[in-house]
């Protein structure tokens, strides 16, 4: 394992997904605290740290597509997946995973897949790529919930129809529900898409201990999901996978879950050890049914 310090994202890298005026406005918060929306504030150092967060994911992508590393995990704050092209939201300033996906495309990567298992839907990531058939966005999330997007029938637009895959899960979902939606939707769509690079928005707020989410995942579930994604990366894109931290607000649950993800990414590809909660739930099956109906014209599920 190699640990490296991040470098700041450049304005050119940010401007592939963010409006130039928005980048300027966030830059102008340097040195002061400012409320950007009811949930999102800056401190005097936020702009500098946000540049490093986006830059860390870009650096991970460069190392993986350059062949010096098989996989990478970006340990970043602030998170990014709620940030829109011209708006900060949900603690997010720049959309780190979107900046990295756009950078990969600019470096010649043909197809990029993003899998987001944060408890919240990644509205910003979806909107940035919903018309782009070269970037597949898959999200498993609590629904209905903040930010209000992510219904199963949101499947993209224009040339990007079918390349937005939302798997909305009712609050209270457990490990078995996530195993069901991964096995029946997430993994089959990824295999059919055959990405050249796999990115992961790794949020840990679906953990049963998290104070913001309403899901009941155990710590081991996050490693299991990551191992499933590593197997797809090995099959489709020479193992090239980059995970970026998103949400997670119980520090003990966050740390333990992140450790499991790092261990998975740093080790050999192996079968996922899905935990068993012992709780009966039909939430996964219900989510799969809704997503299958929405995706029937686009994927074989």
C-alpha atoms as a PDB file:
ATOM      1  CA  UNK A   1       0.000   0.000   0.000  1.00  0.00           C
ATOM      2  CA  UNK A   2       1.243   3.478  -0.891  1.00  0.00           C
ATOM      3  CA  UNK A   3      -0.062   6.611   0.833  1.00  0.00           C
ATOM      4  CA  UNK A   4       0.366   9.885  -1.052  1.00  0.00           C
ATOM      5  CA  UNK A   5      -0.598  13.488  -0.366  1.00  0.00           C
ATOM      6  CA  UNK A   6      -3.182  14.964  -2.746  1.00  0.00           C
ATOM      7  CA  UNK A   7      -2.571  17.753  -5.181  1.00  0.00           C
ATOM      8  CA  UNK A   8      -5.110  20.434  -5.950  1.00  0.00           C
ATOM      9  CA  UNK A   9      -7.462  20.050  -8.894  1.00  0.00           C
ATOM     10  CA  UNK A  10      -6.910  22.624 -11.611  1.00  0.00           C
ATOM     11  CA  UNK A  11      -9.539  25.032 -12.870  1.00  0.00           C
ATOM     12  CA  UNK A  12      -9.453  23.229 -16.215  1.00  0.00           C
ATOM     13  CA  UNK A  13     -10.291  19.934 -14.505  1.00  0.00           C
ATOM     14  CA  UNK A  14     -13.115  21.492 -12.486  1.00  0.00           C
ATOM     15  CA  UNK A  15     -14.540  23.348 -15.496  1.00  0.00           C
ATOM     16  CA  UNK A  16     -15.283  20.087 -17.312  1.00  0.00           C
ATOM     17  CA  UNK A  17     -18.273  19.632 -14.981  1.00  0.00           C
ATOM     18  CA  UNK A  18     -18.685  22.958 -13.137  1.00  0.00           C
ATOM     19  CA  UNK A  19     -19.603  26.405 -14.433  1.00  0.00           C
ATOM     20  CA  UNK A  20     -16.663  28.830 -14.533  1.00  0.00           C
ATOM     21  CA  UNK A  21     -18.625  31.429 -12.587  1.00  0.00           C
ATOM     22  CA  UNK A  22     -19.434  28.873  -9.885  1.00  0.00           C
ATOM     23  CA  UNK A  23     -15.764  27.946  -9.506  1.00  0.00           C
ATOM     24  CA  UNK A  24     -14.985  31.643  -9.115  1.00  0.00           C
ATOM     25  CA  UNK A  25     -17.694  32.112  -6.491  1.00  0.00           C
ATOM     26  CA  UNK A  26     -16.439  29.199  -4.403  1.00  0.00           C
ATOM     27  CA  UNK A  27     -12.911  30.572  -4.729  1.00  0.00           C
ATOM     28  CA  UNK A  28     -14.108  33.885  -3.326  1.00  0.00           C
ATOM     29  CA  UNK A  29     -15.029  32.183  -0.034  1.00  0.00           C
ATOM     30  CA  UNK A  30     -11.327  31.782   0.755  1.00  0.00           C
ATOM     31  CA  UNK A  31     -10.521  33.151   4.183  1.00  0.00           C
ATOM     32  CA  UNK A  32     -14.085  33.441   5.415  1.00  0.00           C
ATOM     33  CA  UNK A  33     -17.081  31.457   6.544  1.00  0.00           C
ATOM     34  CA  UNK A  34     -20.108  31.610   4.285  1.00  0.00           C
ATOM     35  CA  UNK A  35     -23.486  29.861   4.138  1.00  0.00           C
ATOM     36  CA  UNK A  36     -24.049  28.450   0.649  1.00  0.00           C
ATOM     37  CA  UNK A  37     -27.336  26.677   1.375  1.00  0.00           C
ATOM     38  CA  UNK A  38     -29.154  25.543   4.552  1.00  0.00           C
ATOM     39  CA  UNK A  39     -26.800  22.529   4.884  1.00  0.00           C
ATOM     40  CA  UNK A  40     -23.593  23.729   3.294  1.00  0.00           C
ATOM     41  CA  UNK A  41     -21.155  26.204   4.772  1.00  0.00           C
ATOM     42  CA  UNK A  42     -17.558  27.125   4.147  1.00  0.00           C
ATOM     43  CA  UNK A  43     -14.814  27.745   6.660  1.00  0.00           C
ATOM     44  CA  UNK A  44     -11.800  29.919   5.763  1.00  0.00           C
ATOM     45  CA  UNK A  45      -9.912  26.897   4.352  1.00  0.00           C
ATOM     46  CA  UNK A  46     -12.792  25.150   2.568  1.00  0.00           C
ATOM     47  CA  UNK A  47     -11.896  26.196  -0.980  1.00  0.00           C
ATOM     48  CA  UNK A  48      -8.319  24.962  -0.613  1.00  0.00           C
ATOM     49  CA  UNK A  49      -9.444  21.661   0.910  1.00  0.00           C
ATOM     50  CA  UNK A  50     -12.158  21.184  -1.731  1.00  0.00           C
ATOM     51  CA  UNK A  51      -9.530  21.592  -4.455  1.00  0.00           C
ATOM     52  CA  UNK A  52      -7.413  18.932  -2.756  1.00  0.00           C
ATOM     53  CA  UNK A  53     -10.410  16.600  -2.448  1.00  0.00           C
ATOM     54  CA  UNK A  54     -11.221  16.778  -6.145  1.00  0.00           C
ATOM     55  CA  UNK A  55      -7.533  16.593  -7.006  1.00  0.00           C
ATOM     56  CA  UNK A  56      -7.071  13.457  -4.913  1.00  0.00           C
ATOM     57  CA  UNK A  57      -9.670  11.560  -6.951  1.00  0.00           C
ATOM     58  CA  UNK A  58      -8.141  12.854 -10.200  1.00  0.00           C
ATOM     59  CA  UNK A  59      -4.719  11.684  -8.997  1.00  0.00           C
ATOM     60  CA  UNK A  60      -6.130   8.258  -8.196  1.00  0.00           C
ATOM     61  CA  UNK A  61      -7.596   8.018 -11.684  1.00  0.00           C
ATOM     62  CA  UNK A  62      -4.308   9.033 -13.287  1.00  0.00           C
ATOM     63  CA  UNK A  63      -2.376   6.415 -11.335  1.00  0.00           C
ATOM     64  CA  UNK A  64      -4.830   3.665 -12.218  1.00  0.00           C
ATOM     65  CA  UNK A  65      -5.205   4.439 -15.923  1.00  0.00           C
ATOM     66  CA  UNK A  66      -1.462   5.060 -16.166  1.00  0.00           C
ATOM     67  CA  UNK A  67      -0.799   1.528 -14.960  1.00  0.00           C
ATOM     68  CA  UNK A  68       1.314   2.359 -11.909  1.00  0.00           C
ATOM     69  CA  UNK A  69      -1.489   1.224  -9.579  1.00  0.00           C
ATOM     70  CA  UNK A  70      -4.320  -1.263 -10.001  1.00  0.00           C
ATOM     71  CA  UNK A  71      -6.693   0.490  -7.601  1.00  0.00           C
ATOM     72  CA  UNK A  72      -6.941   3.575  -5.412  1.00  0.00           C
ATOM     73  CA  UNK A  73      -9.008   4.993  -2.560  1.00  0.00           C
ATOM     74  CA  UNK A  74      -9.305   8.770  -2.115  1.00  0.00           C
ATOM     75  CA  UNK A  75      -9.789   9.672   1.552  1.00  0.00           C
ATOM     76  CA  UNK A  76     -11.447  13.014   1.054  1.00  0.00           C
ATOM     77  CA  UNK A  77     -13.622  15.636   2.644  1.00  0.00           C
ATOM     78  CA  UNK A  78     -15.715  17.509   1.684  1.00  0.00           C
ATOM     79  CA  UNK A  79     -17.779  14.879  -0.148  1.00  0.00           C
ATOM     80  CA  UNK A  80     -18.938  15.671  -3.651  1.00  0.00           C
ATOM     81  CA  UNK A  81     -21.879  13.833  -5.180  1.00  0.00           C
ATOM     82  CA  UNK A  82     -24.538  16.443  -4.333  1.00  0.00           C
ATOM     83  CA  UNK A  83     -22.640  19.343  -5.917  1.00  0.00           C
ATOM     84  CA  UNK A  84     -24.361  20.495  -9.105  1.00  0.00           C
ATOM     85  CA  UNK A  85     -22.767  22.249 -12.054  1.00  0.00           C
ATOM     86  CA  UNK A  86     -23.415  25.649 -10.493  1.00  0.00           C
ATOM     87  CA  UNK A  87     -24.631  24.959  -6.967  1.00  0.00           C
ATOM     88  CA  UNK A  88     -23.232  23.647  -3.664  1.00  0.00           C
ATOM     89  CA  UNK A  89     -25.494  21.188  -1.829  1.00  0.00           C
ATOM     90  CA  UNK A  90     -25.457  18.668   0.980  1.00  0.00           C
ATOM     91  CA  UNK A  91     -21.986  19.520   2.362  1.00  0.00           C
ATOM     92  CA  UNK A  92     -20.523  19.262  -1.176  1.00  0.00           C
ATOM     93  CA  UNK A  93     -18.604  22.047  -2.959  1.00  0.00           C
ATOM     94  CA  UNK A  94     -17.068  20.350  -6.007  1.00  0.00           C
ATOM     95  CA  UNK A  95     -18.292  17.043  -7.382  1.00  0.00           C
ATOM     96  CA  UNK A  96     -15.123  15.031  -6.827  1.00  0.00           C
ATOM     97  CA  UNK A  97     -16.215  11.825  -8.564  1.00  0.00           C
ATOM     98  CA  UNK A  98     -17.628  13.722 -11.556  1.00  0.00           C
ATOM     99  CA  UNK A  99     -14.439  15.765 -11.932  1.00  0.00           C
ATOM    100  CA  UNK A 100     -12.486  12.500 -11.945  1.00  0.00           C
ATOM    101  CA  UNK A 101     -14.823  10.801 -14.437  1.00  0.00           C
ATOM    102  CA  UNK A 102     -14.613  13.755 -16.829  1.00  0.00           C
ATOM    103  CA  UNK A 103     -10.832  13.778 -16.449  1.00  0.00           C
ATOM    104  CA  UNK A 104     -10.666  10.086 -17.311  1.00  0.00           C
ATOM    105  CA  UNK A 105     -12.718  10.717 -20.438  1.00  0.00           C
ATOM    106  CA  UNK A 106     -10.416  13.615 -21.389  1.00  0.00           C
ATOM    107  CA  UNK A 107      -7.451  11.250 -21.012  1.00  0.00           C
ATOM    108  CA  UNK A 108      -8.925   8.873 -23.570  1.00  0.00           C
ATOM    109  CA  UNK A 109     -10.920   6.434 -21.429  1.00  0.00           C
ATOM    110  CA  UNK A 110     -13.848   5.300 -23.556  1.00  0.00           C
ATOM    111  CA  UNK A 111     -16.447   4.305 -20.968  1.00  0.00           C
ATOM    112  CA  UNK A 112     -16.600   5.140 -17.267  1.00  0.00           C
ATOM    113  CA  UNK A 113     -18.992   3.588 -14.749  1.00  0.00           C
ATOM    114  CA  UNK A 114     -19.805   5.245 -11.419  1.00  0.00           C
ATOM    115  CA  UNK A 115     -21.433   3.216  -8.641  1.00  0.00           C
ATOM    116  CA  UNK A 116     -22.730   5.246  -5.697  1.00  0.00           C
ATOM    117  CA  UNK A 117     -23.722   3.368  -2.529  1.00  0.00           C
ATOM    118  CA  UNK A 118     -24.078   6.421  -0.300  1.00  0.00           C
ATOM    119  CA  UNK A 119     -27.419   6.510   1.535  1.00  0.00           C
ATOM    120  CA  UNK A 120     -28.324   9.693  -0.369  1.00  0.00           C
ATOM    121  CA  UNK A 121     -28.857   9.907  -4.094  1.00  0.00           C
ATOM    122  CA  UNK A 122     -26.050  11.649  -5.969  1.00  0.00           C
ATOM    123  CA  UNK A 123     -28.159  14.264  -7.722  1.00  0.00           C
ATOM    124  CA  UNK A 124     -25.166  16.249  -8.936  1.00  0.00           C
ATOM    125  CA  UNK A 125     -23.406  13.264 -10.472  1.00  0.00           C
ATOM    126  CA  UNK A 126     -26.601  12.122 -12.181  1.00  0.00           C
ATOM    127  CA  UNK A 127     -27.343  15.530 -13.669  1.00  0.00           C
ATOM    128  CA  UNK A 128     -23.802  16.026 -14.948  1.00  0.00           C
ATOM    129  CA  UNK A 129     -23.847  12.810 -16.980  1.00  0.00           C
ATOM    130  CA  UNK A 130     -27.516  12.024 -17.626  1.00  0.00           C
ATOM    131  CA  UNK A 131     -27.223  12.834 -21.342  1.00  0.00           C
ATOM    132  CA  UNK A 132     -23.841  11.096 -21.801  1.00  0.00           C
ATOM    133  CA  UNK A 133     -23.849   7.460 -22.989  1.00  0.00           C
ATOM    134  CA  UNK A 134     -20.150   7.130 -22.160  1.00  0.00           C
ATOM    135  CA  UNK A 135     -20.675   7.531 -18.400  1.00  0.00           C
ATOM    136  CA  UNK A 136     -22.932   5.054 -16.594  1.00  0.00           C
ATOM    137  CA  UNK A 137     -24.257   6.202 -13.216  1.00  0.00           C
ATOM    138  CA  UNK A 138     -25.720   3.618 -10.817  1.00  0.00           C
ATOM    139  CA  UNK A 139     -27.047   4.625  -7.411  1.00  0.00           C
ATOM    140  CA  UNK A 140     -28.442   2.565  -4.525  1.00  0.00           C
ATOM    141  CA  UNK A 141     -30.016   4.943  -2.018  1.00  0.00           C
ATOM    142  CA  UNK A 142     -32.739   5.523   0.531  1.00  0.00           C
ATOM    143  CA  UNK A 143     -35.896   6.820  -1.144  1.00  0.00           C
ATOM    144  CA  UNK A 144     -37.792   8.992  -0.627  1.00  0.00           C
ATOM    145  CA  UNK A 145     -35.119  11.020   1.118  1.00  0.00           C
ATOM    146  CA  UNK A 146     -32.764  13.955   0.628  1.00  0.00           C
ATOM    147  CA  UNK A 147     -32.177  15.372  -1.962  1.00  0.00           C
ATOM    148  CA  UNK A 148     -35.493  14.187  -3.436  1.00  0.00           C
ATOM    149  CA  UNK A 149     -34.094  12.809  -6.692  1.00  0.00           C
ATOM    150  CA  UNK A 150     -33.325   9.209  -7.636  1.00  0.00           C
ATOM    151  CA  UNK A 151     -36.654   7.610  -8.539  1.00  0.00           C
ATOM    152  CA  UNK A 152     -36.413   4.426 -10.570  1.00  0.00           C
ATOM    153  CA  UNK A 153     -37.885   6.117 -13.634  1.00  0.00           C
ATOM    154  CA  UNK A 154     -35.044   8.656 -13.803  1.00  0.00           C
ATOM    155  CA  UNK A 155     -33.071   6.832 -16.495  1.00  0.00           C
ATOM    156  CA  UNK A 156     -31.250   9.638 -18.297  1.00  0.00           C
ATOM    157  CA  UNK A 157     -32.171  11.789 -21.259  1.00  0.00           C
ATOM    158  CA  UNK A 158     -31.332  12.144 -24.925  1.00  0.00           C
ATOM    159  CA  UNK A 159     -28.340  10.060 -25.947  1.00  0.00           C
ATOM    160  CA  UNK A 160     -27.912   9.085 -22.305  1.00  0.00           C
ATOM    161  CA  UNK A 161     -31.225   7.261 -21.949  1.00  0.00           C
ATOM    162  CA  UNK A 162     -30.628   4.055 -20.017  1.00  0.00           C
ATOM    163  CA  UNK A 163     -27.258   5.102 -18.656  1.00  0.00           C
ATOM    164  CA  UNK A 164     -28.696   6.423 -15.402  1.00  0.00           C
ATOM    165  CA  UNK A 165     -29.687   3.531 -13.139  1.00  0.00           C
ATOM    166  CA  UNK A 166     -31.468   4.331  -9.895  1.00  0.00           C
ATOM    167  CA  UNK A 167     -32.230   1.649  -7.323  1.00  0.00           C
ATOM    168  CA  UNK A 168     -34.391   3.393  -4.702  1.00  0.00           C
ATOM    169  CA  UNK A 169     -34.662   1.477  -1.438  1.00  0.00           C
ATOM    170  CA  UNK A 170     -37.193   2.038   1.327  1.00  0.00           C
ATOM    171  CA  UNK A 171     -35.773   3.121   4.694  1.00  0.00           C
ATOM    172  CA  UNK A 172     -34.831   0.182   6.882  1.00  0.00           C
ATOM    173  CA  UNK A 173     -33.087  -1.864   4.186  1.00  0.00           C
ATOM    174  CA  UNK A 174     -30.628  -4.470   5.479  1.00  0.00           C
ATOM    175  CA  UNK A 175     -27.565  -6.301   4.146  1.00  0.00           C
ATOM    176  CA  UNK A 176     -29.685  -8.889   2.320  1.00  0.00           C
ATOM    177  CA  UNK A 177     -31.560  -6.147   0.451  1.00  0.00           C
ATOM    178  CA  UNK A 178     -28.319  -4.695  -0.849  1.00  0.00           C
ATOM    179  CA  UNK A 179     -27.082  -8.142  -1.833  1.00  0.00           C
ATOM    180  CA  UNK A 180     -30.286  -8.580  -3.823  1.00  0.00           C
ATOM    181  CA  UNK A 181     -30.025  -5.273  -5.691  1.00  0.00           C
ATOM    182  CA  UNK A 182     -26.345  -5.807  -6.415  1.00  0.00           C
ATOM    183  CA  UNK A 183     -26.937  -9.303  -7.744  1.00  0.00           C
ATOM    184  CA  UNK A 184     -30.048  -8.475  -9.765  1.00  0.00           C
ATOM    185  CA  UNK A 185     -29.324  -4.941 -11.041  1.00  0.00           C
ATOM    186  CA  UNK A 186     -25.950  -3.371 -10.259  1.00  0.00           C
ATOM    187  CA  UNK A 187     -23.637  -6.182 -11.355  1.00  0.00           C
ATOM    188  CA  UNK A 188     -25.608  -7.253 -14.472  1.00  0.00           C
ATOM    189  CA  UNK A 189     -25.793  -3.679 -15.792  1.00  0.00           C
ATOM    190  CA  UNK A 190     -22.079  -3.132 -15.158  1.00  0.00           C
ATOM    191  CA  UNK A 191     -21.183  -6.343 -16.974  1.00  0.00           C
ATOM    192  CA  UNK A 192     -23.333  -5.382 -19.968  1.00  0.00           C
ATOM    193  CA  UNK A 193     -21.922  -1.839 -20.070  1.00  0.00           C
ATOM    194  CA  UNK A 194     -18.306  -3.145 -19.928  1.00  0.00           C
ATOM    195  CA  UNK A 195     -16.617  -0.022 -18.540  1.00  0.00           C
ATOM    196  CA  UNK A 196     -12.976   0.823 -19.123  1.00  0.00           C
ATOM    197  CA  UNK A 197     -12.766   2.336 -15.628  1.00  0.00           C
ATOM    198  CA  UNK A 198     -14.932   1.851 -12.533  1.00  0.00           C
ATOM    199  CA  UNK A 199     -15.381   4.659 -10.012  1.00  0.00           C
ATOM    200  CA  UNK A 200     -17.110   4.265  -6.646  1.00  0.00           C
ATOM    201  CA  UNK A 201     -18.819   6.956  -4.598  1.00  0.00           C
ATOM    202  CA  UNK A 202     -18.208   5.230  -1.288  1.00  0.00           C
ATOM    203  CA  UNK A 203     -20.567   6.681   1.268  1.00  0.00           C
ATOM    204  CA  UNK A 204     -20.944   4.991   4.653  1.00  0.00           C
ATOM    205  CA  UNK A 205     -24.122   6.675   5.885  1.00  0.00           C
ATOM    206  CA  UNK A 206     -26.284   3.636   5.088  1.00  0.00           C
ATOM    207  CA  UNK A 207     -24.674   2.061   8.156  1.00  0.00           C
ATOM    208  CA  UNK A 208     -27.077   1.073  10.923  1.00  0.00           C
ATOM    209  CA  UNK A 209     -25.338   3.437  13.356  1.00  0.00           C
ATOM    210  CA  UNK A 210     -25.359   6.500  11.134  1.00  0.00           C
ATOM    211  CA  UNK A 211     -27.352   9.415  12.566  1.00  0.00           C
ATOM    212  CA  UNK A 212     -28.481  10.788   9.188  1.00  0.00           C
ATOM    213  CA  UNK A 213     -29.483   7.683   7.277  1.00  0.00           C
ATOM    214  CA  UNK A 214     -32.346   5.292   7.930  1.00  0.00           C
ATOM    215  CA  UNK A 215     -30.754   2.090   6.623  1.00  0.00           C
ATOM    216  CA  UNK A 216     -29.504  -0.885   8.649  1.00  0.00           C
ATOM    217  CA  UNK A 217     -26.311  -2.022   6.923  1.00  0.00           C
ATOM    218  CA  UNK A 218     -23.595  -3.657   8.990  1.00  0.00           C
ATOM    219  CA  UNK A 219     -19.922  -2.795   8.683  1.00  0.00           C
ATOM    220  CA  UNK A 220     -19.074  -5.892   6.640  1.00  0.00           C
ATOM    221  CA  UNK A 221     -21.596  -4.987   3.934  1.00  0.00           C
ATOM    222  CA  UNK A 222     -19.451  -2.139   2.615  1.00  0.00           C
ATOM    223  CA  UNK A 223     -16.483  -4.441   2.039  1.00  0.00           C
ATOM    224  CA  UNK A 224     -18.807  -6.966   0.363  1.00  0.00           C
ATOM    225  CA  UNK A 225     -20.180  -4.360  -2.048  1.00  0.00           C
ATOM    226  CA  UNK A 226     -16.655  -3.199  -2.840  1.00  0.00           C
ATOM    227  CA  UNK A 227     -15.417  -6.737  -3.480  1.00  0.00           C
ATOM    228  CA  UNK A 228     -18.302  -7.317  -5.887  1.00  0.00           C
ATOM    229  CA  UNK A 229     -17.306  -4.172  -7.765  1.00  0.00           C
ATOM    230  CA  UNK A 230     -13.651  -5.217  -7.816  1.00  0.00           C
ATOM    231  CA  UNK A 231     -14.645  -8.483  -9.470  1.00  0.00           C
ATOM    232  CA  UNK A 232     -16.466  -6.553 -12.211  1.00  0.00           C
ATOM    233  CA  UNK A 233     -13.462  -4.283 -12.653  1.00  0.00           C
ATOM    234  CA  UNK A 234     -11.229  -7.327 -13.000  1.00  0.00           C
ATOM    235  CA  UNK A 235     -13.579  -8.788 -15.605  1.00  0.00           C
ATOM    236  CA  UNK A 236     -14.204  -5.616 -17.621  1.00  0.00           C
ATOM    237  CA  UNK A 237     -11.398  -3.116 -17.166  1.00  0.00           C
ATOM    238  CA  UNK A 238      -8.211  -4.836 -16.066  1.00  0.00           C
ATOM    239  CA  UNK A 239      -9.017  -4.253 -12.409  1.00  0.00           C
ATOM    240  CA  UNK A 240      -9.029  -0.475 -12.720  1.00  0.00           C
ATOM    241  CA  UNK A 241     -11.117   0.881  -9.848  1.00  0.00           C
ATOM    242  CA  UNK A 242     -11.001   4.123  -7.847  1.00  0.00           C
ATOM    243  CA  UNK A 243     -13.150   4.733  -4.764  1.00  0.00           C
ATOM    244  CA  UNK A 244     -13.778   8.186  -3.301  1.00  0.00           C
ATOM    245  CA  UNK A 245     -15.228   8.756   0.153  1.00  0.00           C
ATOM    246  CA  UNK A 246     -18.633  10.445   0.257  1.00  0.00           C
ATOM    247  CA  UNK A 247     -20.854  10.545   3.381  1.00  0.00           C
ATOM    248  CA  UNK A 248     -20.662   8.862   6.777  1.00  0.00           C
ATOM    249  CA  UNK A 249     -21.380  10.599  10.078  1.00  0.00           C
ATOM    250  CA  UNK A 250     -20.903   8.075  12.871  1.00  0.00           C
ATOM    251  CA  UNK A 251     -17.142   8.171  13.282  1.00  0.00           C
ATOM    252  CA  UNK A 252     -16.745   4.644  14.646  1.00  0.00           C
ATOM    253  CA  UNK A 253     -18.964   3.085  11.966  1.00  0.00           C
ATOM    254  CA  UNK A 254     -17.308   5.242   9.310  1.00  0.00           C
ATOM    255  CA  UNK A 255     -13.795   4.198  10.339  1.00  0.00           C
ATOM    256  CA  UNK A 256     -14.579   0.496  10.558  1.00  0.00           C
ATOM    257  CA  UNK A 257     -16.437   0.460   7.229  1.00  0.00           C
ATOM    258  CA  UNK A 258     -13.711   2.432   5.485  1.00  0.00           C
ATOM    259  CA  UNK A 259     -11.080   0.037   6.853  1.00  0.00           C
ATOM    260  CA  UNK A 260     -12.990  -2.812   5.246  1.00  0.00           C
ATOM    261  CA  UNK A 261     -13.099  -1.044   1.897  1.00  0.00           C
ATOM    262  CA  UNK A 262      -9.379  -0.228   1.996  1.00  0.00           C
ATOM    263  CA  UNK A 263      -8.560  -3.815   2.904  1.00  0.00           C
ATOM    264  CA  UNK A 264     -10.694  -5.056   0.004  1.00  0.00           C
ATOM    265  CA  UNK A 265      -9.178  -2.674  -2.534  1.00  0.00           C
ATOM    266  CA  UNK A 266      -5.635  -3.346  -1.332  1.00  0.00           C
ATOM    267  CA  UNK A 267      -5.983  -7.110  -1.481  1.00  0.00           C
ATOM    268  CA  UNK A 268      -6.497  -9.674  -4.227  1.00  0.00           C
ATOM    269  CA  UNK A 269      -9.832 -10.055  -5.963  1.00  0.00           C
ATOM    270  CA  UNK A 270     -11.862 -12.581  -4.003  1.00  0.00           C
ATOM    271  CA  UNK A 271     -15.457 -13.622  -3.474  1.00  0.00           C
ATOM    272  CA  UNK A 272     -17.541 -11.155  -1.497  1.00  0.00           C
ATOM    273  CA  UNK A 273     -18.395 -12.314   2.018  1.00  0.00           C
ATOM    274  CA  UNK A 274     -21.903 -10.910   2.369  1.00  0.00           C
ATOM    275  CA  UNK A 275     -23.009 -10.668   5.995  1.00  0.00           C
ATOM    276  CA  UNK A 276     -26.388 -11.855   7.204  1.00  0.00           C
ATOM    277  CA  UNK A 277     -28.524  -9.563   9.314  1.00  0.00           C
ATOM    278  CA  UNK A 278     -31.108 -12.212  10.086  1.00  0.00           C
ATOM    279  CA  UNK A 279     -33.840  -9.631   9.440  1.00  0.00           C
ATOM    280  CA  UNK A 280     -36.586 -10.481   6.967  1.00  0.00           C
ATOM    281  CA  UNK A 281     -37.051  -7.708   4.408  1.00  0.00           C
ATOM    282  CA  UNK A 282     -38.631  -7.372   0.966  1.00  0.00           C
ATOM    283  CA  UNK A 283     -37.176  -3.918   0.324  1.00  0.00           C
ATOM    284  CA  UNK A 284     -34.511  -5.215  -2.043  1.00  0.00           C
ATOM    285  CA  UNK A 285     -36.982  -7.211  -4.101  1.00  0.00           C
ATOM    286  CA  UNK A 286     -39.323  -4.232  -4.317  1.00  0.00           C
ATOM    287  CA  UNK A 287     -36.480  -1.967  -5.481  1.00  0.00           C
ATOM    288  CA  UNK A 288     -35.381  -4.500  -8.098  1.00  0.00           C
ATOM    289  CA  UNK A 289     -38.932  -4.762  -9.448  1.00  0.00           C
ATOM    290  CA  UNK A 290     -39.258  -1.000  -9.839  1.00  0.00           C
ATOM    291  CA  UNK A 291     -35.838  -0.654 -11.450  1.00  0.00           C
ATOM    292  CA  UNK A 292     -36.431  -3.557 -13.837  1.00  0.00           C
ATOM    293  CA  UNK A 293     -39.619  -1.938 -15.102  1.00  0.00           C
ATOM    294  CA  UNK A 294     -37.829   1.335 -15.739  1.00  0.00           C
ATOM    295  CA  UNK A 295     -34.792  -0.257 -17.389  1.00  0.00           C
ATOM    296  CA  UNK A 296     -36.562  -2.895 -19.486  1.00  0.00           C
ATOM    297  CA  UNK A 297     -35.920  -1.064 -22.793  1.00  0.00           C
ATOM    298  CA  UNK A 298     -32.208  -0.718 -22.093  1.00  0.00           C
ATOM    299  CA  UNK A 299     -30.734  -3.706 -20.188  1.00  0.00           C
ATOM    300  CA  UNK A 300     -31.367  -7.439 -19.834  1.00  0.00           C
ATOM    301  CA  UNK A 301     -32.309  -7.924 -16.183  1.00  0.00           C
END
